[in-house]
Amino acid sequence: MASTLLLGGCSGLFFFPDQTVYITPDRLNLTFDDVYIDTPDGERLHGWWLPAKAGDEDLEGTVYYLHGNAQNISSHLLNVAWLPERGYNVFLLDYRGFGQSTGSPDIDGALHDVETGMRWLTTHHKGPYVLLGQSLGGGLGIMLASEWTRRGEQPPLSAVIIDSSFSGFRAIAREKLDSFWLTWPFQVPLSWTIPDEFEGIDHIRNISPVPLLIVHSTRDGIIPFHNGFELYDAASDPKDFLRTDTPHAATFVIPAYRDKAIEFLDKALSHQ
């Protein structure tokens, strides 16, 4: 393991894609379309578009969902499959190397992919737009939302939810390497292979004035709870924090936590 990390830097800590199809939206009685998007550097990304079950006149908003570091959108579908019933469109995107998306994953490429997906979404479907990122998707989402808002991109984001994420790519790499005796001696040299411009804790304040909800579980065994609190502390108002009690990124298995997210969105989008 240590030799693999030394050869590949820390990218192996962040990306564990596969091409297995675990479940498709139709198995959950959801209408969906396959979406294919070409990136500026020649990759083709795959995603799913899930329209809200409500008509256009009752549409609450459009959620752009960024998933975690393993498998692909088909294994993360249940995290957002409940949203169309609540009146939200959902767009799920696989980063390069995941599922049907071409290429090999790395941090730079994934950051380009999520921006490419955002531009497709805002061109083809109406808002208001909500970004929901879980775990790795939260780290990517912080960077996307902060840059989108800082640059004054149009149309703007209306709300951001970051769930079970980390304070920064370099910081979590060092923390995870430190937790395993075989890689402990390499925690500093390997973590320094990750550029420090990707630390969400340094950028999250730029999401303001877009309403932000940070979600983290006290029982998260993958990304320790302190990461969520540090992100919240670094963010600017308006912001909220939802403390949960589930395994990593299992927030929306619990109906009460779904309701809390909807309460946040109702409040955020009521000002649009």
Protein backbone atom coordinates (compact mmCIF):
# COMPACT_ATOMS: atom_id res chain seq x y z
CA MET A 1 0.00 0.00 0.00
CA ALA A 2 2.74 2.46 0.92
CA SER A 3 4.63 1.83 -2.32
CA THR A 4 1.45 2.33 -4.33
CA LEU A 5 0.82 5.66 -2.64
CA LEU A 6 4.41 6.75 -3.23
CA LEU A 7 4.11 6.00 -6.94
CA GLY A 8 0.75 7.66 -7.37
CA GLY A 9 0.96 10.50 -4.87
CA CYS A 10 -2.20 10.71 -2.80
CA SER A 11 -4.72 10.32 -5.62
CA GLY A 12 -5.41 6.77 -4.47
CA LEU A 13 -6.87 8.15 -1.26
CA PHE A 14 -9.59 10.03 -3.14
CA PHE A 15 -10.75 7.95 -6.10
CA PHE A 16 -12.10 4.38 -6.10
CA PRO A 17 -14.26 4.24 -9.25
CA ASP A 18 -15.85 1.24 -10.87
CA GLN A 19 -18.14 0.58 -13.82
CA THR A 20 -20.67 -1.71 -12.15
CA VAL A 21 -24.33 -0.71 -12.48
CA TYR A 22 -25.81 -1.22 -9.02
CA ILE A 23 -29.30 0.19 -9.56
CA THR A 24 -30.98 2.34 -12.17
CA PRO A 25 -33.64 5.00 -11.53
CA ASP A 26 -36.39 3.03 -13.26
CA ARG A 27 -36.03 0.32 -10.59
CA LEU A 28 -37.14 3.00 -8.13
CA ASN A 29 -40.04 4.11 -10.36
CA LEU A 30 -38.16 7.27 -11.31
CA THR A 31 -38.25 8.77 -14.78
CA PHE A 32 -34.73 9.52 -16.05
CA ASP A 33 -32.62 10.44 -19.05
CA ASP A 34 -29.01 9.51 -19.75
CA VAL A 35 -26.87 12.62 -20.24
CA TYR A 36 -23.51 12.73 -22.02
CA ILE A 37 -21.32 15.82 -21.81
CA ASP A 38 -18.03 16.45 -23.63
CA THR A 39 -15.33 18.18 -21.59
CA PRO A 40 -12.97 20.81 -23.04
CA ASP A 41 -10.05 18.36 -22.72
CA GLY A 42 -11.70 15.56 -24.68
CA GLU A 43 -13.38 13.34 -22.08
CA ARG A 44 -17.05 12.32 -22.20
CA LEU A 45 -18.95 12.42 -18.93
CA HIS A 46 -22.10 10.47 -18.13
CA GLY A 47 -24.91 11.52 -15.84
CA TRP A 48 -28.57 10.99 -15.05
CA TRP A 49 -31.30 13.61 -15.24
CA LEU A 50 -34.20 12.92 -12.86
CA PRO A 51 -37.14 15.29 -13.41
CA ALA A 52 -39.29 16.31 -10.47
CA LYS A 53 -42.58 14.46 -10.21
CA ALA A 54 -44.35 17.80 -9.86
CA GLY A 55 -45.14 19.83 -12.97
CA ASP A 56 -43.16 22.92 -13.93
CA GLU A 57 -45.61 25.15 -12.11
CA ASP A 58 -44.89 23.30 -8.83
CA LEU A 59 -41.13 22.90 -9.32
CA GLU A 60 -39.19 23.69 -6.15
CA GLY A 61 -35.73 23.73 -7.72
CA THR A 62 -32.96 21.77 -9.42
CA VAL A 63 -30.36 19.85 -7.39
CA TYR A 64 -26.87 19.24 -8.78
CA TYR A 65 -25.59 16.18 -6.89
CA LEU A 66 -21.87 15.40 -6.51
CA HIS A 67 -21.21 11.93 -5.13
CA GLY A 68 -18.49 10.38 -2.98
CA ASN A 69 -15.18 8.81 -3.92
CA ALA A 70 -16.21 5.19 -4.61
CA GLN A 71 -18.11 3.30 -7.31
CA ASN A 72 -20.35 5.60 -9.42
CA ILE A 73 -23.72 7.37 -9.56
CA SER A 74 -25.67 4.10 -9.53
CA SER A 75 -24.39 3.26 -6.03
CA HIS A 76 -25.16 6.76 -4.72
CA LEU A 77 -28.61 7.10 -6.29
CA LEU A 78 -30.54 6.39 -3.09
CA ASN A 79 -29.06 9.53 -1.52
CA VAL A 80 -31.15 11.69 -3.85
CA ALA A 81 -33.91 9.37 -5.13
CA TRP A 82 -36.35 10.94 -2.64
CA LEU A 83 -35.97 14.47 -4.04
CA PRO A 84 -38.16 14.22 -7.21
CA GLU A 85 -41.14 13.36 -4.98
CA ARG A 86 -40.44 16.57 -3.04
CA GLY A 87 -40.59 18.66 -6.22
CA TYR A 88 -36.90 18.82 -7.14
CA ASN A 89 -35.17 17.95 -10.39
CA VAL A 90 -31.89 16.11 -9.79
CA PHE A 91 -28.78 15.90 -11.96
CA LEU A 92 -26.18 13.29 -10.96
CA LEU A 93 -22.76 13.35 -12.66
CA ASP A 94 -19.98 10.77 -12.79
CA TYR A 95 -16.49 12.28 -12.74
CA ARG A 96 -13.96 11.08 -15.30
CA GLY A 97 -13.10 7.42 -14.77
CA PHE A 98 -16.32 6.67 -12.86
CA GLY A 99 -19.15 4.60 -14.35
CA GLN A 100 -19.59 5.38 -18.05
CA SER A 101 -17.42 8.53 -17.95
CA THR A 102 -14.15 8.23 -19.85
CA GLY A 103 -10.65 9.04 -18.61
CA SER A 104 -8.74 8.54 -15.37
CA PRO A 105 -9.64 10.38 -12.17
CA ASP A 106 -7.52 13.02 -10.49
CA ILE A 107 -8.32 16.14 -8.48
CA ASP A 108 -7.72 18.65 -11.27
CA GLY A 109 -9.79 16.63 -13.73
CA ALA A 110 -12.67 16.15 -11.28
CA LEU A 111 -12.77 19.89 -10.57
CA HIS A 112 -13.00 20.59 -14.30
CA ASP A 113 -15.71 17.93 -14.62
CA VAL A 114 -17.98 19.38 -11.94
CA GLU A 115 -17.75 22.84 -13.52
CA THR A 116 -18.49 21.36 -16.94
CA GLY A 117 -21.56 19.67 -15.45
CA MET A 118 -22.71 22.91 -13.84
CA ARG A 119 -22.47 24.77 -17.14
CA TRP A 120 -24.47 22.04 -18.89
CA LEU A 121 -27.12 22.13 -16.18
CA THR A 122 -27.61 25.89 -16.18
CA THR A 123 -27.76 25.90 -19.98
CA HIS A 124 -30.33 23.11 -20.36
CA HIS A 125 -32.55 23.32 -17.27
CA LYS A 126 -34.06 26.06 -15.16
CA GLY A 127 -33.38 26.78 -11.52
CA PRO A 128 -33.27 27.79 -8.80
CA TYR A 129 -30.08 25.74 -8.51
CA VAL A 130 -28.99 23.82 -5.43
CA LEU A 131 -25.59 22.15 -5.11
CA LEU A 132 -25.50 19.02 -2.91
CA GLY A 133 -22.09 17.42 -2.37
CA GLN A 134 -21.34 14.41 -0.18
CA SER A 135 -17.89 13.34 1.04
CA LEU A 136 -15.50 13.80 -1.93
CA GLY A 137 -18.38 15.51 -3.73
CA GLY A 138 -18.51 17.99 -0.87
CA GLY A 139 -14.84 18.84 -1.32
CA LEU A 140 -15.36 19.35 -5.04
CA GLY A 141 -18.60 21.21 -4.38
CA ILE A 142 -16.97 23.73 -2.04
CA MET A 143 -14.43 24.61 -4.71
CA LEU A 144 -17.09 24.86 -7.44
CA ALA A 145 -19.56 26.89 -5.37
CA SER A 146 -16.93 29.29 -4.04
CA GLU A 147 -15.50 29.99 -7.50
CA TRP A 148 -18.92 30.21 -9.16
CA THR A 149 -20.04 32.77 -6.59
CA ARG A 150 -16.75 34.68 -6.38
CA ARG A 151 -16.68 35.16 -10.16
CA GLY A 152 -20.33 36.24 -10.26
CA GLU A 153 -21.27 33.45 -12.68
CA GLN A 154 -24.83 33.53 -14.00
CA PRO A 155 -27.24 32.08 -13.20
CA PRO A 156 -26.18 31.97 -9.55
CA LEU A 157 -26.49 29.15 -7.07
CA SER A 158 -29.40 29.57 -4.66
CA ALA A 159 -28.31 27.13 -1.93
CA VAL A 160 -25.43 24.77 -1.10
CA ILE A 161 -25.46 21.63 1.08
CA ILE A 162 -22.13 20.02 2.01
CA ASP A 163 -22.52 16.64 3.72
CA SER A 164 -19.87 14.45 5.37
CA SER A 165 -16.98 16.30 3.77
CA PHE A 166 -13.45 17.26 4.74
CA SER A 167 -11.72 20.54 5.52
CA GLY A 168 -9.26 20.15 2.66
CA PHE A 169 -7.73 17.61 0.27
CA ARG A 170 -4.23 17.94 1.72
CA ALA A 171 -5.50 18.00 5.30
CA ILE A 172 -7.58 14.82 5.01
CA ALA A 173 -4.78 13.03 3.12
CA ARG A 174 -2.41 13.74 5.99
CA GLU A 175 -5.04 12.73 8.56
CA LYS A 176 -5.80 9.41 6.83
CA LEU A 177 -2.13 8.58 6.28
CA ASP A 178 -1.44 9.36 9.93
CA SER A 179 -4.13 6.88 11.01
CA PHE A 180 -2.37 3.83 9.50
CA TRP A 181 0.98 2.71 10.92
CA LEU A 182 2.41 1.62 7.55
CA THR A 183 1.89 5.03 5.93
CA TRP A 184 2.48 7.16 9.03
CA PRO A 185 6.11 7.99 8.06
CA PHE A 186 4.90 9.23 4.65
CA GLN A 187 2.10 11.51 5.88
CA VAL A 188 4.01 14.75 5.32
CA PRO A 189 5.86 14.03 2.05
CA LEU A 190 2.84 12.41 0.42
CA SER A 191 0.34 15.06 1.51
CA TRP A 192 2.61 17.74 0.09
CA THR A 193 2.09 16.20 -3.37
CA ILE A 194 -1.41 17.75 -3.22
CA PRO A 195 -1.42 21.48 -4.08
CA ASP A 196 -2.64 23.62 -1.20
CA GLU A 197 -5.08 25.60 -3.36
CA PHE A 198 -7.62 22.79 -2.91
CA GLU A 199 -8.23 23.32 0.81
CA GLY A 200 -11.95 23.93 1.14
CA ILE A 201 -11.50 25.59 4.52
CA ASP A 202 -9.66 28.43 2.72
CA HIS A 203 -12.41 28.92 0.11
CA ILE A 204 -15.72 28.15 1.80
CA ARG A 205 -16.22 31.75 2.93
CA ASN A 206 -16.52 32.75 -0.74
CA ILE A 207 -19.81 30.83 -1.03
CA SER A 208 -21.48 33.68 0.87
CA PRO A 209 -24.02 35.24 0.33
CA VAL A 210 -25.43 31.93 -0.95
CA PRO A 211 -27.11 30.07 1.98
CA LEU A 212 -24.95 27.16 3.13
CA LEU A 213 -25.82 24.05 5.15
CA ILE A 214 -23.00 21.92 6.57
CA VAL A 215 -24.03 18.39 7.60
CA HIS A 216 -21.82 16.01 9.56
CA SER A 217 -22.29 12.97 11.75
CA THR A 218 -20.74 12.47 15.14
CA ARG A 219 -20.43 8.79 14.18
CA ASP A 220 -18.66 9.35 10.86
CA GLY A 221 -15.85 6.79 10.80
CA ILE A 222 -14.41 7.93 7.46
CA ILE A 223 -14.28 11.73 7.71
CA PRO A 224 -14.12 12.65 11.41
CA PHE A 225 -16.71 15.05 12.78
CA HIS A 226 -14.23 17.86 13.43
CA ASN A 227 -13.95 18.38 9.65
CA GLY A 228 -17.57 19.48 9.40
CA PHE A 229 -17.29 21.80 12.37
CA GLU A 230 -14.11 23.38 10.97
CA LEU A 231 -15.82 24.02 7.62
CA TYR A 232 -18.79 25.60 9.37
CA ASP A 233 -16.54 27.78 11.49
CA ALA A 234 -14.63 29.00 8.40
CA ALA A 235 -17.77 29.75 6.38
CA SER A 236 -19.46 33.15 6.29
CA ASP A 237 -23.13 33.83 6.93
CA PRO A 238 -25.75 32.81 6.01
CA LYS A 239 -24.90 29.33 7.25
CA ASP A 240 -26.45 26.46 9.23
CA PHE A 241 -25.07 23.28 10.76
CA LEU A 242 -26.89 19.95 11.00
CA ARG A 243 -25.35 17.50 13.47
CA THR A 244 -26.40 13.94 12.60
CA ASP A 245 -25.94 10.44 13.99
CA THR A 246 -25.44 8.05 11.07
CA PRO A 247 -22.58 6.22 9.39
CA HIS A 248 -20.57 8.17 6.80
CA ALA A 249 -22.71 9.87 4.11
CA ALA A 250 -25.84 7.98 5.20
CA THR A 251 -27.67 11.17 6.17
CA PHE A 252 -30.65 10.86 3.85
CA VAL A 253 -31.54 7.33 4.88
CA ILE A 254 -33.21 9.02 7.85
CA PRO A 255 -36.53 10.77 7.00
CA ALA A 256 -36.04 13.37 9.74
CA TYR A 257 -32.76 14.50 8.16
CA ARG A 258 -34.45 14.72 4.77
CA ASP A 259 -37.01 17.01 6.37
CA LYS A 260 -34.27 19.18 7.87
CA ALA A 261 -32.67 19.58 4.45
CA ILE A 262 -36.02 20.53 2.92
CA GLU A 263 -36.61 23.07 5.71
CA PHE A 264 -33.25 24.65 4.89
CA LEU A 265 -34.07 24.73 1.16
CA ASP A 266 -37.54 26.15 1.74
CA LYS A 267 -36.02 29.02 3.70
CA ALA A 268 -33.15 29.59 1.25
CA LEU A 269 -35.27 29.47 -1.89
CA SER A 270 -38.09 31.57 -0.46
CA HIS A 271 -35.84 34.60 -0.90
CA GLN A 272 -35.29 33.98 -4.63
